[in-house]
Amino acid sequence: MLIPIAGFLLGLALGRWWAVLAAGLLGAYILATNDLEGHVGTWVAFVLTVLLACAIAAGVALRRLQRRRRLRGA
C-alpha cells in the first residue's frame, strides 16, 4: 500500500514524465537483493515496478491536468 501512495506523491511533486523511470530503480533493487526461490523474486520485482510506474504516471498526469486547467481559467 505504501509503494503506490509514495509513487503517486512522487509523480505529483515532480510533474515530469521522466519520473516514471524511477520505478525501474525499485525493480533493479529488488532483483539485486532477491532471496526468494525460483522466479518468484522476478515476478515480485516486475509487479511492484509496474505498480509504481502506474502510480507515478497517475501523479504526473494529475499535476499536468491541474496546471492546464489553471492556465485555461486564467
N, C-alpha and C. Protein backbone atom coordinates (compact mmCIF):
# COMPACT_ATOMS: atom_id res chain seq x y z
N MET A 1 0.81 -1.19 0.00
CA MET A 1 0.00 0.00 0.00
C MET A 1 0.87 1.26 0.00
N LEU A 2 2.03 1.20 0.61
CA LEU A 2 2.89 2.36 0.69
C LEU A 2 3.53 2.69 -0.66
N ILE A 3 3.84 1.68 -1.45
CA ILE A 3 4.51 1.90 -2.73
C ILE A 3 3.65 2.71 -3.69
N PRO A 4 2.36 2.38 -3.89
CA PRO A 4 1.56 3.21 -4.81
C PRO A 4 1.36 4.63 -4.29
N ILE A 5 1.17 4.80 -3.00
CA ILE A 5 0.97 6.14 -2.45
C ILE A 5 2.23 6.98 -2.62
N ALA A 6 3.37 6.40 -2.30
CA ALA A 6 4.64 7.12 -2.46
C ALA A 6 4.90 7.45 -3.92
N GLY A 7 4.60 6.53 -4.81
CA GLY A 7 4.78 6.78 -6.23
C GLY A 7 3.87 7.87 -6.75
N PHE A 8 2.62 7.87 -6.30
CA PHE A 8 1.68 8.91 -6.70
C PHE A 8 2.16 10.28 -6.22
N LEU A 9 2.60 10.34 -4.99
CA LEU A 9 3.09 11.62 -4.45
C LEU A 9 4.36 12.07 -5.16
N LEU A 10 5.22 11.14 -5.52
CA LEU A 10 6.43 11.48 -6.28
C LEU A 10 6.06 12.06 -7.64
N GLY A 11 5.14 11.43 -8.32
CA GLY A 11 4.70 11.94 -9.62
C GLY A 11 4.01 13.28 -9.51
N LEU A 12 3.24 13.45 -8.46
CA LEU A 12 2.54 14.72 -8.23
C LEU A 12 3.54 15.83 -7.91
N ALA A 13 4.57 15.50 -7.15
CA ALA A 13 5.56 16.51 -6.75
C ALA A 13 6.46 16.91 -7.93
N LEU A 14 6.90 15.93 -8.72
CA LEU A 14 7.82 16.24 -9.81
C LEU A 14 7.11 16.75 -11.05
N GLY A 15 6.04 16.09 -11.43
CA GLY A 15 5.27 16.52 -12.59
C GLY A 15 5.96 16.34 -13.92
N ARG A 16 6.92 15.47 -14.01
CA ARG A 16 7.64 15.21 -15.26
C ARG A 16 7.52 13.73 -15.61
N TRP A 17 7.38 13.45 -16.90
CA TRP A 17 7.18 12.07 -17.32
C TRP A 17 8.41 11.21 -17.11
N TRP A 18 9.60 11.80 -17.09
CA TRP A 18 10.80 11.00 -16.86
C TRP A 18 10.82 10.42 -15.45
N ALA A 19 9.99 10.92 -14.55
CA ALA A 19 9.93 10.38 -13.19
C ALA A 19 9.46 8.93 -13.18
N VAL A 20 8.76 8.52 -14.22
CA VAL A 20 8.28 7.13 -14.31
C VAL A 20 9.46 6.17 -14.37
N LEU A 21 10.58 6.63 -14.88
CA LEU A 21 11.77 5.78 -14.96
C LEU A 21 12.31 5.41 -13.57
N ALA A 22 11.93 6.16 -12.56
CA ALA A 22 12.38 5.85 -11.20
C ALA A 22 11.85 4.50 -10.74
N ALA A 23 10.77 4.04 -11.32
CA ALA A 23 10.23 2.74 -10.97
C ALA A 23 11.21 1.62 -11.32
N GLY A 24 11.99 1.84 -12.35
CA GLY A 24 13.00 0.85 -12.74
C GLY A 24 14.06 0.64 -11.68
N LEU A 25 14.34 1.70 -10.92
CA LEU A 25 15.31 1.58 -9.83
C LEU A 25 14.81 0.62 -8.75
N LEU A 26 13.52 0.69 -8.45
CA LEU A 26 12.95 -0.23 -7.47
C LEU A 26 13.05 -1.67 -7.97
N GLY A 27 12.71 -1.89 -9.22
CA GLY A 27 12.79 -3.24 -9.79
C GLY A 27 14.21 -3.77 -9.78
N ALA A 28 15.16 -2.91 -10.12
CA ALA A 28 16.57 -3.33 -10.11
C ALA A 28 17.04 -3.66 -8.70
N TYR A 29 16.60 -2.87 -7.74
CA TYR A 29 16.97 -3.13 -6.35
C TYR A 29 16.40 -4.46 -5.86
N ILE A 30 15.14 -4.72 -6.19
CA ILE A 30 14.51 -5.98 -5.77
C ILE A 30 15.23 -7.17 -6.42
N LEU A 31 15.55 -7.05 -7.70
CA LEU A 31 16.27 -8.14 -8.37
C LEU A 31 17.66 -8.36 -7.78
N ALA A 32 18.32 -7.28 -7.40
CA ALA A 32 19.68 -7.40 -6.86
C ALA A 32 19.68 -8.01 -5.46
N THR A 33 18.64 -7.78 -4.69
CA THR A 33 18.59 -8.27 -3.31
C THR A 33 17.61 -9.42 -3.15
N ASN A 34 17.33 -10.12 -4.23
CA ASN A 34 16.34 -11.19 -4.25
C ASN A 34 16.83 -12.41 -3.46
N ASP A 35 16.09 -12.79 -2.44
CA ASP A 35 16.38 -14.00 -1.68
C ASP A 35 15.31 -15.08 -1.87
N LEU A 36 14.35 -14.83 -2.75
CA LEU A 36 13.25 -15.77 -2.96
C LEU A 36 13.69 -16.87 -3.93
N GLU A 37 13.10 -18.03 -3.77
CA GLU A 37 13.46 -19.17 -4.61
C GLU A 37 12.76 -19.09 -5.96
N GLY A 38 13.44 -19.57 -6.97
CA GLY A 38 12.84 -19.66 -8.30
C GLY A 38 12.63 -18.28 -8.92
N HIS A 39 11.53 -18.19 -9.66
CA HIS A 39 11.22 -16.96 -10.38
C HIS A 39 10.28 -16.05 -9.59
N VAL A 40 10.04 -16.35 -8.34
CA VAL A 40 9.12 -15.54 -7.53
C VAL A 40 9.66 -14.12 -7.37
N GLY A 41 10.94 -13.98 -7.14
CA GLY A 41 11.54 -12.66 -6.98
C GLY A 41 11.43 -11.82 -8.23
N THR A 42 11.56 -12.47 -9.39
CA THR A 42 11.42 -11.76 -10.65
C THR A 42 10.00 -11.25 -10.83
N TRP A 43 9.02 -12.09 -10.48
CA TRP A 43 7.62 -11.67 -10.59
C TRP A 43 7.31 -10.55 -9.61
N VAL A 44 7.81 -10.64 -8.40
CA VAL A 44 7.59 -9.59 -7.41
C VAL A 44 8.19 -8.28 -7.90
N ALA A 45 9.40 -8.32 -8.43
CA ALA A 45 10.05 -7.12 -8.95
C ALA A 45 9.24 -6.53 -10.11
N PHE A 46 8.78 -7.38 -11.00
CA PHE A 46 8.01 -6.91 -12.15
C PHE A 46 6.70 -6.27 -11.72
N VAL A 47 5.96 -6.93 -10.85
CA VAL A 47 4.65 -6.42 -10.42
C VAL A 47 4.80 -5.11 -9.65
N LEU A 48 5.75 -5.04 -8.74
CA LEU A 48 5.93 -3.82 -7.98
C LEU A 48 6.44 -2.67 -8.86
N THR A 49 7.27 -2.98 -9.83
CA THR A 49 7.75 -1.95 -10.75
C THR A 49 6.62 -1.39 -11.59
N VAL A 50 5.77 -2.26 -12.12
CA VAL A 50 4.63 -1.81 -12.92
C VAL A 50 3.66 -1.01 -12.06
N LEU A 51 3.41 -1.47 -10.85
CA LEU A 51 2.51 -0.76 -9.95
C LEU A 51 3.04 0.63 -9.62
N LEU A 52 4.32 0.72 -9.33
CA LEU A 52 4.92 2.02 -9.02
C LEU A 52 4.92 2.93 -10.24
N ALA A 53 5.22 2.38 -11.41
CA ALA A 53 5.22 3.20 -12.63
C ALA A 53 3.83 3.77 -12.92
N CYS A 54 2.80 2.97 -12.73
CA CYS A 54 1.43 3.44 -12.94
C CYS A 54 1.06 4.53 -11.93
N ALA A 55 1.47 4.36 -10.69
CA ALA A 55 1.17 5.35 -9.67
C ALA A 55 1.89 6.67 -9.95
N ILE A 56 3.15 6.60 -10.36
CA ILE A 56 3.89 7.81 -10.70
C ILE A 56 3.24 8.49 -11.90
N ALA A 57 2.88 7.72 -12.91
CA ALA A 57 2.25 8.29 -14.10
C ALA A 57 0.92 8.96 -13.76
N ALA A 58 0.16 8.38 -12.84
CA ALA A 58 -1.11 8.99 -12.42
C ALA A 58 -0.85 10.32 -11.72
N GLY A 59 0.17 10.38 -10.88
CA GLY A 59 0.51 11.64 -10.21
C GLY A 59 0.96 12.70 -11.19
N VAL A 60 1.78 12.32 -12.16
CA VAL A 60 2.24 13.26 -13.18
C VAL A 60 1.06 13.76 -14.00
N ALA A 61 0.18 12.86 -14.40
CA ALA A 61 -0.98 13.24 -15.20
C ALA A 61 -1.89 14.20 -14.43
N LEU A 62 -2.10 13.94 -13.15
CA LEU A 62 -2.95 14.82 -12.36
C LEU A 62 -2.33 16.21 -12.24
N ARG A 63 -1.04 16.28 -12.00
CA ARG A 63 -0.39 17.59 -11.91
C ARG A 63 -0.49 18.35 -13.23
N ARG A 64 -0.29 17.65 -14.33
CA ARG A 64 -0.38 18.32 -15.64
C ARG A 64 -1.80 18.78 -15.94
N LEU A 65 -2.79 17.98 -15.56
CA LEU A 65 -4.18 18.39 -15.76
C LEU A 65 -4.52 19.61 -14.92
N GLN A 66 -4.03 19.64 -13.68
CA GLN A 66 -4.28 20.81 -12.83
C GLN A 66 -3.63 22.05 -13.41
N ARG A 67 -2.40 21.92 -13.89
CA ARG A 67 -1.69 23.06 -14.49
C ARG A 67 -2.42 23.55 -15.73
N ARG A 68 -2.88 22.62 -16.56
CA ARG A 68 -3.60 23.00 -17.78
C ARG A 68 -4.91 23.71 -17.44
N ARG A 69 -5.60 23.22 -16.41
CA ARG A 69 -6.86 23.86 -16.02
C ARG A 69 -6.62 25.28 -15.50
N ARG A 70 -5.53 25.46 -14.73
CA ARG A 70 -5.20 26.80 -14.23
C ARG A 70 -4.88 27.76 -15.36
N LEU A 71 -4.14 27.29 -16.37
CA LEU A 71 -3.78 28.15 -17.49
C LEU A 71 -4.98 28.53 -18.34
N ARG A 72 -5.90 27.64 -18.53
CA ARG A 72 -7.10 27.93 -19.33
C ARG A 72 -8.06 28.84 -18.58
N GLY A 73 -8.10 28.70 -17.26
CA GLY A 73 -9.01 29.52 -16.46
C GLY A 73 -8.53 30.94 -16.26
N ALA A 74 -7.22 31.15 -16.43
CA ALA A 74 -6.68 32.50 -16.17
C ALA A 74 -6.79 33.42 -17.33
